[in-house]
Amino acid sequence: MPLVSNGLERIVTIYVGNLSFQATEDDLREVFAEYGKVSRISLPTDRETGRKRGFAFVEMEDEAQEDQAISELDGAEWLGREIRVNKAKPREGGGGGGGGGRRNGGF
């Protein structure tokens, strides 16, 4: 059963790290579907090369199933790699950065 907060459905997101570059969305869906309903998978790629970046995000609808998947899959060997599986942390701050130098009034 999905979690509800303020009338909005809460989707649970799992971070999967140290993935094999050969892993596909279908591979991930197959593994995580053993633990519950998978609503979405994101497998980021490098903007310049198009290569997979070695991590993914898996969204599941049930927190108990998410916890079971994390507990059983974290540290497991999959496609020749020891994968890291944990709750995804929300993004920090708002991107952008740097801010330039000082602005002195010109004189």
Protein backbone atom coordinates (compact mmCIF):
# COMPACT_ATOMS: atom_id res chain seq x y z
CA MET A 1 0.00 0.00 0.00
CA PRO A 2 1.50 3.38 -0.98
CA LEU A 3 2.37 5.84 1.73
CA VAL A 4 0.16 8.91 1.84
CA SER A 5 1.17 12.29 3.19
CA ASN A 6 -1.16 15.27 2.98
CA GLY A 7 -3.28 13.37 0.49
CA LEU A 8 -0.37 12.81 -1.91
CA GLU A 9 1.02 9.39 -2.72
CA ARG A 10 4.63 8.99 -1.62
CA ILE A 11 6.86 6.99 -3.92
CA VAL A 12 9.88 5.38 -2.29
CA THR A 13 13.20 5.80 -4.07
CA ILE A 14 16.18 3.47 -3.76
CA TYR A 15 19.74 4.32 -4.80
CA VAL A 16 21.65 1.46 -6.41
CA GLY A 17 25.38 2.09 -6.74
CA ASN A 18 28.46 0.33 -8.10
CA LEU A 19 26.39 -1.10 -10.94
CA SER A 20 27.90 -2.92 -13.85
CA PHE A 21 27.87 -0.72 -16.95
CA GLN A 22 26.11 -3.63 -18.69
CA ALA A 23 23.06 -3.42 -16.37
CA THR A 24 19.83 -2.39 -18.11
CA GLU A 25 16.52 -1.03 -16.86
CA ASP A 26 14.96 -4.42 -17.60
CA ASP A 27 17.65 -6.17 -15.50
CA LEU A 28 16.94 -3.85 -12.57
CA ARG A 29 13.17 -4.19 -12.92
CA GLU A 30 13.48 -7.98 -12.87
CA VAL A 31 15.57 -7.98 -9.69
CA PHE A 32 13.50 -5.43 -7.76
CA ALA A 33 10.14 -6.86 -8.89
CA GLU A 34 10.93 -9.86 -6.67
CA TYR A 35 10.38 -7.50 -3.70
CA GLY A 36 7.34 -5.55 -4.88
CA LYS A 37 5.86 -3.19 -7.44
CA VAL A 38 8.47 -1.11 -9.25
CA SER A 39 6.99 2.14 -10.53
CA ARG A 40 10.02 3.69 -12.23
CA ILE A 41 13.71 3.16 -12.92
CA SER A 42 16.24 5.82 -13.80
CA LEU A 43 19.61 4.75 -15.15
CA PRO A 44 21.56 8.00 -15.69
CA THR A 45 24.03 8.34 -18.54
CA ASP A 46 26.93 10.72 -19.05
CA ARG A 47 25.85 13.75 -21.08
CA GLU A 48 28.97 13.80 -23.23
CA THR A 49 29.70 10.12 -23.83
CA GLY A 50 26.24 8.56 -23.43
CA ARG A 51 27.78 5.86 -21.23
CA LYS A 52 25.94 4.65 -18.15
CA ARG A 53 27.25 6.23 -14.97
CA GLY A 54 27.25 3.09 -12.81
CA PHE A 55 24.27 3.87 -10.60
CA ALA A 56 20.49 3.91 -10.77
CA PHE A 57 17.37 4.97 -8.92
CA VAL A 58 14.50 2.55 -8.44
CA GLU A 59 11.09 3.77 -7.28
CA MET A 60 8.88 1.36 -5.38
CA GLU A 61 5.40 1.93 -4.02
CA ASP A 62 5.68 0.18 -0.66
CA GLU A 63 8.14 1.04 2.11
CA ALA A 64 8.16 -2.45 3.67
CA GLN A 65 9.05 -3.99 0.31
CA GLU A 66 11.67 -1.29 -0.23
CA ASP A 67 13.25 -2.08 3.16
CA GLN A 68 13.36 -5.79 2.34
CA ALA A 69 14.98 -5.13 -1.06
CA ILE A 70 17.59 -2.87 0.54
CA SER A 71 18.38 -5.32 3.31
CA GLU A 72 18.73 -8.31 0.97
CA LEU A 73 20.46 -6.64 -1.98
CA ASP A 74 22.93 -4.24 -0.31
CA GLY A 75 26.39 -5.77 -0.67
CA ALA A 76 25.20 -8.55 -2.98
CA GLU A 77 27.27 -9.48 -6.00
CA TRP A 78 25.37 -8.81 -9.21
CA LEU A 79 26.76 -8.87 -12.76
CA GLY A 80 30.27 -9.19 -11.32
CA ARG A 81 30.04 -6.17 -8.96
CA GLU A 82 29.23 -5.77 -5.27
CA ILE A 83 26.29 -3.39 -5.43
CA ARG A 84 25.35 -0.75 -2.86
CA VAL A 85 21.63 -0.41 -2.22
CA ASN A 86 20.12 2.17 0.14
CA LYS A 87 17.42 4.79 0.46
CA ALA A 88 18.06 7.65 -1.91
CA LYS A 89 18.80 10.94 -0.21
CA PRO A 90 16.95 14.03 -1.40
CA ARG A 91 18.96 16.40 -3.54
CA GLU A 92 20.67 19.10 -1.54
CA GLY A 93 20.50 22.78 -2.31
CA GLY A 94 19.59 24.15 -5.64
CA GLY A 95 22.23 23.38 -8.16
CA GLY A 96 24.05 26.23 -9.67
CA GLY A 97 27.01 27.38 -8.15
CA GLY A 98 29.96 29.32 -8.03
CA GLY A 99 28.91 32.88 -7.80
CA GLY A 100 31.63 35.00 -9.35
CA GLY A 101 33.92 37.56 -7.93
CA ARG A 102 33.21 40.74 -6.04
CA ARG A 103 31.42 43.63 -7.56
CA ASN A 104 33.17 46.77 -6.68
CA GLY A 105 31.61 49.98 -7.77
CA GLY A 106 33.90 50.82 -10.64
CA PHE A 107 36.05 53.77 -9.56
